[in-house]
C-alpha atoms as a PDB file:
ATOM      1  CA  MET A   1      25.152  30.549  -6.434  1.00  0.00           C
ATOM      2  CA  LYS A   2      27.325  30.132  -9.198  1.00  0.00           C
ATOM      3  CA  ILE A   3      26.306  27.420 -11.202  1.00  0.00           C
ATOM      4  CA  LEU A   4      22.890  29.244 -11.160  1.00  0.00           C
ATOM      5  CA  LYS A   5      23.971  32.111 -12.140  1.00  0.00           C
ATOM      6  CA  LYS A   6      25.517  30.343 -15.226  1.00  0.00           C
ATOM      7  CA  TYR A   7      22.290  27.834 -15.679  1.00  0.00           C
ATOM      8  CA  LYS A   8      19.535  30.916 -15.117  1.00  0.00           C
ATOM      9  CA  TRP A   9      17.931  30.588 -18.781  1.00  0.00           C
ATOM     10  CA  THR A  10      18.044  27.607 -18.480  1.00  0.00           C
ATOM     11  CA  LEU A  11      16.608  26.876 -14.883  1.00  0.00           C
ATOM     12  CA  LEU A  12      13.795  30.005 -16.023  1.00  0.00           C
ATOM     13  CA  THR A  13      12.906  28.484 -19.622  1.00  0.00           C
ATOM     14  CA  SER A  14      12.339  24.726 -17.722  1.00  0.00           C
ATOM     15  CA  LEU A  15      10.267  26.427 -14.633  1.00  0.00           C
ATOM     16  CA  VAL A  16       8.375  28.140 -17.201  1.00  0.00           C
ATOM     17  CA  ILE A  17       7.550  25.186 -19.376  1.00  0.00           C
ATOM     18  CA  LEU A  18       6.504  23.228 -15.400  1.00  0.00           C
ATOM     19  CA  VAL A  19       3.957  26.407 -14.642  1.00  0.00           C
ATOM     20  CA  MET A  20       3.040  25.690 -18.548  1.00  0.00           C
ATOM     21  CA  TYR A  21       2.129  21.853 -17.487  1.00  0.00           C
ATOM     22  CA  LEU A  22       0.467  22.927 -14.572  1.00  0.00           C
ATOM     23  CA  VAL A  23      -1.922  25.427 -16.338  1.00  0.00           C
ATOM     24  CA  ASN A  24      -2.213  23.122 -19.233  1.00  0.00           C
ATOM     25  CA  GLN A  25      -1.121  19.984 -19.801  1.00  0.00           C
ATOM     26  CA  GLN A  26      -1.123  19.514 -23.315  1.00  0.00           C
ATOM     27  CA  LYS A  27       0.531  23.098 -24.086  1.00  0.00           C
ATOM     28  CA  GLY A  28       2.831  22.105 -21.403  1.00  0.00           C
ATOM     29  CA  LEU A  29       3.888  18.756 -22.754  1.00  0.00           C
ATOM     30  CA  MET A  30       4.083  20.701 -26.000  1.00  0.00           C
ATOM     31  CA  ALA A  31       6.577  23.540 -25.129  1.00  0.00           C
ATOM     32  CA  PHE A  32       8.511  20.804 -23.196  1.00  0.00           C
ATOM     33  CA  ASN A  33       8.739  18.124 -26.658  1.00  0.00           C
ATOM     34  CA  LEU A  34       9.264  21.344 -28.554  1.00  0.00           C
ATOM     35  CA  SER A  35      12.447  22.258 -26.350  1.00  0.00           C
ATOM     36  CA  ILE A  36      13.610  18.704 -26.735  1.00  0.00           C
ATOM     37  CA  SER A  37      13.525  18.643 -30.240  1.00  0.00           C
ATOM     38  CA  ASN A  38      15.451  22.146 -30.368  1.00  0.00           C
ATOM     39  CA  VAL A  39      18.447  20.793 -27.969  1.00  0.00           C
ATOM     40  CA  LYS A  40      18.275  17.360 -30.097  1.00  0.00           C
ATOM     41  CA  THR A  41      18.842  19.762 -33.058  1.00  0.00           C
ATOM     42  CA  VAL A  42      21.746  21.592 -31.509  1.00  0.00           C
ATOM     43  CA  LEU A  43      23.809  19.212 -30.559  1.00  0.00           C
ATOM     44  CA  THR A  44      23.278  17.203 -33.990  1.00  0.00           C
ATOM     45  CA  LEU A  45      24.724  20.732 -35.529  1.00  0.00           C
ATOM     46  CA  LEU A  46      27.521  21.722 -32.950  1.00  0.00           C
ATOM     47  CA  PRO A  47      29.328  19.062 -32.697  1.00  0.00           C
ATOM     48  CA  PRO A  48      30.828  18.743 -36.275  1.00  0.00           C
ATOM     49  CA  ILE A  49      31.059  22.823 -35.990  1.00  0.00           C
ATOM     50  CA  PHE A  50      33.051  22.414 -33.461  1.00  0.00           C
ATOM     51  CA  VAL A  51      35.684  20.059 -35.062  1.00  0.00           C
ATOM     52  CA  ILE A  52      36.120  22.152 -38.115  1.00  0.00           C
ATOM     53  CA  ILE A  53      36.952  25.026 -35.940  1.00  0.00           C
ATOM     54  CA  GLY A  54      39.050  22.702 -34.218  1.00  0.00           C
ATOM     55  CA  LEU A  55      40.587  22.019 -37.609  1.00  0.00           C
ATOM     56  CA  ILE A  56      40.975  24.976 -38.906  1.00  0.00           C
ATOM     57  CA  ASP A  57      42.348  26.406 -35.452  1.00  0.00           C
ATOM     58  CA  VAL A  58      45.500  23.633 -35.755  1.00  0.00           C
ATOM     59  CA  TRP A  59      45.999  23.734 -39.534  1.00  0.00           C
ATOM     60  CA  VAL A  60      45.734  27.709 -40.584  1.00  0.00           C
ATOM     61  CA  PRO A  61      48.631  29.985 -38.742  1.00  0.00           C
ATOM     62  CA  ARG A  62      47.467  32.952 -37.269  1.00  0.00           C
ATOM     63  CA  GLU A  63      49.420  34.861 -40.124  1.00  0.00           C
ATOM     64  CA  THR A  64      47.909  33.555 -42.468  1.00  0.00           C
ATOM     65  CA  MET A  65      44.575  33.977 -41.297  1.00  0.00           C
ATOM     66  CA  ILE A  66      45.869  38.364 -41.088  1.00  0.00           C
ATOM     67  CA  LYS A  67      47.657  37.848 -44.658  1.00  0.00           C
ATOM     68  CA  TYR A  68      44.108  37.223 -45.761  1.00  0.00           C
ATOM     69  CA  MET A  69      41.430  38.613 -43.629  1.00  0.00           C
ATOM     70  CA  GLY A  70      43.522  41.038 -41.371  1.00  0.00           C
ATOM     71  CA  ASP A  71      43.548  44.993 -41.668  1.00  0.00           C
ATOM     72  CA  LYS A  72      45.808  44.916 -44.380  1.00  0.00           C
ATOM     73  CA  SER A  73      43.768  42.529 -46.564  1.00  0.00           C
ATOM     74  CA  GLY A  74      42.013  44.952 -48.428  1.00  0.00           C
ATOM     75  CA  LEU A  75      39.092  43.866 -50.773  1.00  0.00           C
ATOM     76  CA  PHE A  76      40.348  40.081 -50.689  1.00  0.00           C
ATOM     77  CA  GLY A  77      39.645  40.132 -47.220  1.00  0.00           C
ATOM     78  CA  GLY A  78      35.733  40.998 -47.767  1.00  0.00           C
ATOM     79  CA  ILE A  79      35.118  38.289 -50.588  1.00  0.00           C
ATOM     80  CA  ILE A  80      36.304  35.680 -48.438  1.00  0.00           C
ATOM     81  CA  ALA A  81      34.657  36.544 -45.783  1.00  0.00           C
ATOM     82  CA  VAL A  82      31.790  36.365 -47.986  1.00  0.00           C
ATOM     83  CA  PHE A  83      32.857  33.549 -49.160  1.00  0.00           C
ATOM     84  CA  MET A  84      32.806  31.421 -46.003  1.00  0.00           C
ATOM     85  CA  GLY A  85      29.318  33.148 -44.812  1.00  0.00           C
ATOM     86  CA  ALA A  86      27.697  31.560 -48.016  1.00  0.00           C
ATOM     87  CA  ILE A  87      28.776  28.659 -47.892  1.00  0.00           C
ATOM     88  CA  GLY A  88      27.767  27.811 -44.210  1.00  0.00           C
ATOM     89  CA  ALA A  89      25.738  25.509 -43.173  1.00  0.00           C
ATOM     90  CA  GLY A  90      23.015  25.389 -40.654  1.00  0.00           C
ATOM     91  CA  PRO A  91      21.157  27.710 -38.807  1.00  0.00           C
ATOM     92  CA  LEU A  92      23.023  31.312 -37.442  1.00  0.00           C
ATOM     93  CA  TYR A  93      23.903  30.280 -34.372  1.00  0.00           C
ATOM     94  CA  VAL A  94      26.440  28.131 -35.440  1.00  0.00           C
ATOM     95  CA  ALA A  95      28.847  31.252 -37.482  1.00  0.00           C
ATOM     96  CA  PHE A  96      29.365  32.572 -33.813  1.00  0.00           C
ATOM     97  CA  PRO A  97      31.801  30.105 -32.992  1.00  0.00           C
ATOM     98  CA  VAL A  98      33.382  30.020 -36.375  1.00  0.00           C
ATOM     99  CA  ALA A  99      33.068  33.782 -35.814  1.00  0.00           C
ATOM    100  CA  ALA A 100      35.192  33.748 -32.525  1.00  0.00           C
ATOM    101  CA  LEU A 101      37.860  31.642 -34.016  1.00  0.00           C
ATOM    102  CA  LEU A 102      38.341  34.408 -36.823  1.00  0.00           C
ATOM    103  CA  LEU A 103      39.072  36.717 -34.705  1.00  0.00           C
ATOM    104  CA  LYS A 104      41.342  34.802 -32.100  1.00  0.00           C
ATOM    105  CA  LYS A 105      43.346  34.047 -35.670  1.00  0.00           C
ATOM    106  CA  GLY A 106      43.219  37.980 -35.957  1.00  0.00           C
ATOM    107  CA  ALA A 107      40.744  38.822 -38.796  1.00  0.00           C
ATOM    108  CA  ARG A 108      39.441  42.350 -38.952  1.00  0.00           C
ATOM    109  CA  LEU A 109      36.458  42.892 -37.197  1.00  0.00           C
ATOM    110  CA  SER A 110      34.648  44.206 -40.203  1.00  0.00           C
ATOM    111  CA  TYR A 111      34.897  41.032 -41.792  1.00  0.00           C
ATOM    112  CA  VAL A 112      33.664  39.295 -39.067  1.00  0.00           C
ATOM    113  CA  PHE A 113      31.145  40.643 -39.132  1.00  0.00           C
ATOM    114  CA  LEU A 114      30.554  40.606 -42.927  1.00  0.00           C
ATOM    115  CA  PHE A 115      30.635  36.872 -42.699  1.00  0.00           C
ATOM    116  CA  VAL A 116      28.039  36.348 -40.026  1.00  0.00           C
ATOM    117  CA  SER A 117      25.350  38.848 -41.924  1.00  0.00           C
ATOM    118  CA  THR A 118      26.354  36.992 -45.369  1.00  0.00           C
ATOM    119  CA  TRP A 119      25.627  33.684 -43.018  1.00  0.00           C
ATOM    120  CA  SER A 120      22.348  34.883 -41.949  1.00  0.00           C
ATOM    121  CA  SER A 121      20.478  35.218 -45.169  1.00  0.00           C
ATOM    122  CA  MET A 122      22.760  34.898 -48.251  1.00  0.00           C
ATOM    123  CA  LYS A 123      23.981  30.925 -47.975  1.00  0.00           C
ATOM    124  CA  LEU A 124      24.002  29.168 -51.417  1.00  0.00           C
ATOM    125  CA  PRO A 125      20.991  27.040 -50.464  1.00  0.00           C
ATOM    126  CA  ILE A 126      19.120  30.148 -49.866  1.00  0.00           C
ATOM    127  CA  ILE A 127      20.533  31.919 -53.089  1.00  0.00           C
ATOM    128  CA  MET A 128      19.503  28.833 -55.265  1.00  0.00           C
ATOM    129  CA  TYR A 129      15.889  28.830 -53.646  1.00  0.00           C
ATOM    130  CA  GLU A 130      15.253  31.908 -54.030  1.00  0.00           C
ATOM    131  CA  TRP A 131      16.483  32.072 -57.809  1.00  0.00           C
ATOM    132  CA  ALA A 132      14.124  28.737 -58.656  1.00  0.00           C
ATOM    133  CA  SER A 133      11.025  30.512 -56.831  1.00  0.00           C
ATOM    134  CA  LEU A 134      11.520  33.879 -57.902  1.00  0.00           C
ATOM    135  CA  GLY A 135      13.482  34.385 -60.032  1.00  0.00           C
ATOM    136  CA  GLY A 136      17.483  35.647 -61.190  1.00  0.00           C
ATOM    137  CA  ARG A 137      16.219  38.950 -61.209  1.00  0.00           C
ATOM    138  CA  PHE A 138      14.777  39.269 -57.951  1.00  0.00           C
ATOM    139  CA  THR A 139      17.549  37.001 -56.307  1.00  0.00           C
ATOM    140  CA  ILE A 140      20.390  39.220 -58.113  1.00  0.00           C
ATOM    141  CA  ILE A 141      18.648  42.734 -56.390  1.00  0.00           C
ATOM    142  CA  HIS A 142      18.940  40.859 -52.937  1.00  0.00           C
ATOM    143  CA  ILE A 143      22.105  39.940 -53.257  1.00  0.00           C
ATOM    144  CA  LEU A 144      23.268  43.084 -54.587  1.00  0.00           C
ATOM    145  CA  SER A 145      21.268  45.360 -51.815  1.00  0.00           C
ATOM    146  CA  SER A 146      21.941  42.944 -48.931  1.00  0.00           C
ATOM    147  CA  LEU A 147      26.259  43.376 -49.830  1.00  0.00           C
ATOM    148  CA  THR A 148      25.646  46.865 -50.177  1.00  0.00           C
ATOM    149  CA  VAL A 149      23.632  47.092 -46.667  1.00  0.00           C
ATOM    150  CA  TYR A 150      25.971  44.570 -44.854  1.00  0.00           C
ATOM    151  CA  VAL A 151      29.404  46.345 -46.310  1.00  0.00           C
ATOM    152  CA  THR A 152      28.382  49.452 -45.554  1.00  0.00           C
ATOM    153  CA  GLY A 153      26.922  48.598 -41.938  1.00  0.00           C
ATOM    154  CA  SER A 154      30.381  45.958 -41.422  1.00  0.00           C
ATOM    155  CA  LEU A 155      32.800  48.786 -41.954  1.00  0.00           C
ATOM    156  CA  LEU A 156      30.415  51.623 -40.515  1.00  0.00           C
ATOM    157  CA  MET A 157      30.221  49.320 -37.103  1.00  0.00           C
ATOM    158  CA  GLU A 158      33.521  48.389 -36.838  1.00  0.00           C
ATOM    159  CA  ARG A 159      34.435  52.454 -37.566  1.00  0.00           C
ATOM    160  CA  LEU A 160      31.893  53.534 -34.745  1.00  0.00           C
ATOM    161  CA  LEU A 161      33.471  51.366 -32.077  1.00  0.00           C
ATOM    162  CA  CYS A 162      36.194  52.878 -29.776  1.00  0.00           C
ATOM    163  CA  ASN A 163      39.594  51.057 -29.601  1.00  0.00           C
ATOM    164  CA  LYS A 164      38.836  50.367 -26.076  1.00  0.00           C
ATOM    165  CA  THR A 165      36.148  48.351 -26.995  1.00  0.00           C
ATOM    166  CA  LYS A 166      37.809  46.963 -30.164  1.00  0.00           C
ATOM    167  CA  THR A 167      40.099  45.553 -27.212  1.00  0.00           C
ATOM    168  CA  GLU A 168      38.271  44.294 -24.963  1.00  0.00           C
ATOM    169  CA  ILE A 169      36.044  42.049 -27.630  1.00  0.00           C
ATOM    170  CA  TYR A 170      39.867  40.555 -28.534  1.00  0.00           C
ATOM    171  CA  ALA A 171      40.983  40.225 -25.094  1.00  0.00           C
ATOM    172  CA  LYS A 172      37.491  38.124 -24.586  1.00  0.00           C
ATOM    173  CA  ILE A 173      38.481  36.040 -27.675  1.00  0.00           C
ATOM    174  CA  GLU A 174      41.394  35.072 -26.296  1.00  0.00           C
ATOM    175  CA  ALA A 175      40.180  34.459 -23.042  1.00  0.00           C
ATOM    176  CA  ALA A 176      37.719  31.889 -23.906  1.00  0.00           C
END
């Protein structure tokens, strides 16, 4: 029963694809092939990220992370979070294991929110594409408005979370 609960979404998705196949073979086969393609993509992206996470976990002491991205790191911690998010590679789901490592190493919660937000829409390839296709003015407005929203939102989310919730978040990360 425990294994069914653990893999309920995989089983449910498989069941939906099977029903689709029984109703319409062509669409069911298309859904199956798309699912396999997505799994292959995930499997090619995650191993390098886990290697990088492992190296950071070993090479960067907790004290160093606290110094540069902890509660007392100030503006510098936010700049590091934005920089890390901007140079991130891959889709957003790749950022979450990195975010978990940052929390485990003692990074401030708002900086982790800022990192994930930046990763979602301000990566360097996106910015370069915007600059080339939509122009510098649009890109600068996008960056400044996004940073304003991300910084404000990150600080607000951190402030609105009660201490119990913050403690639970850090405890879950430590237990993982």
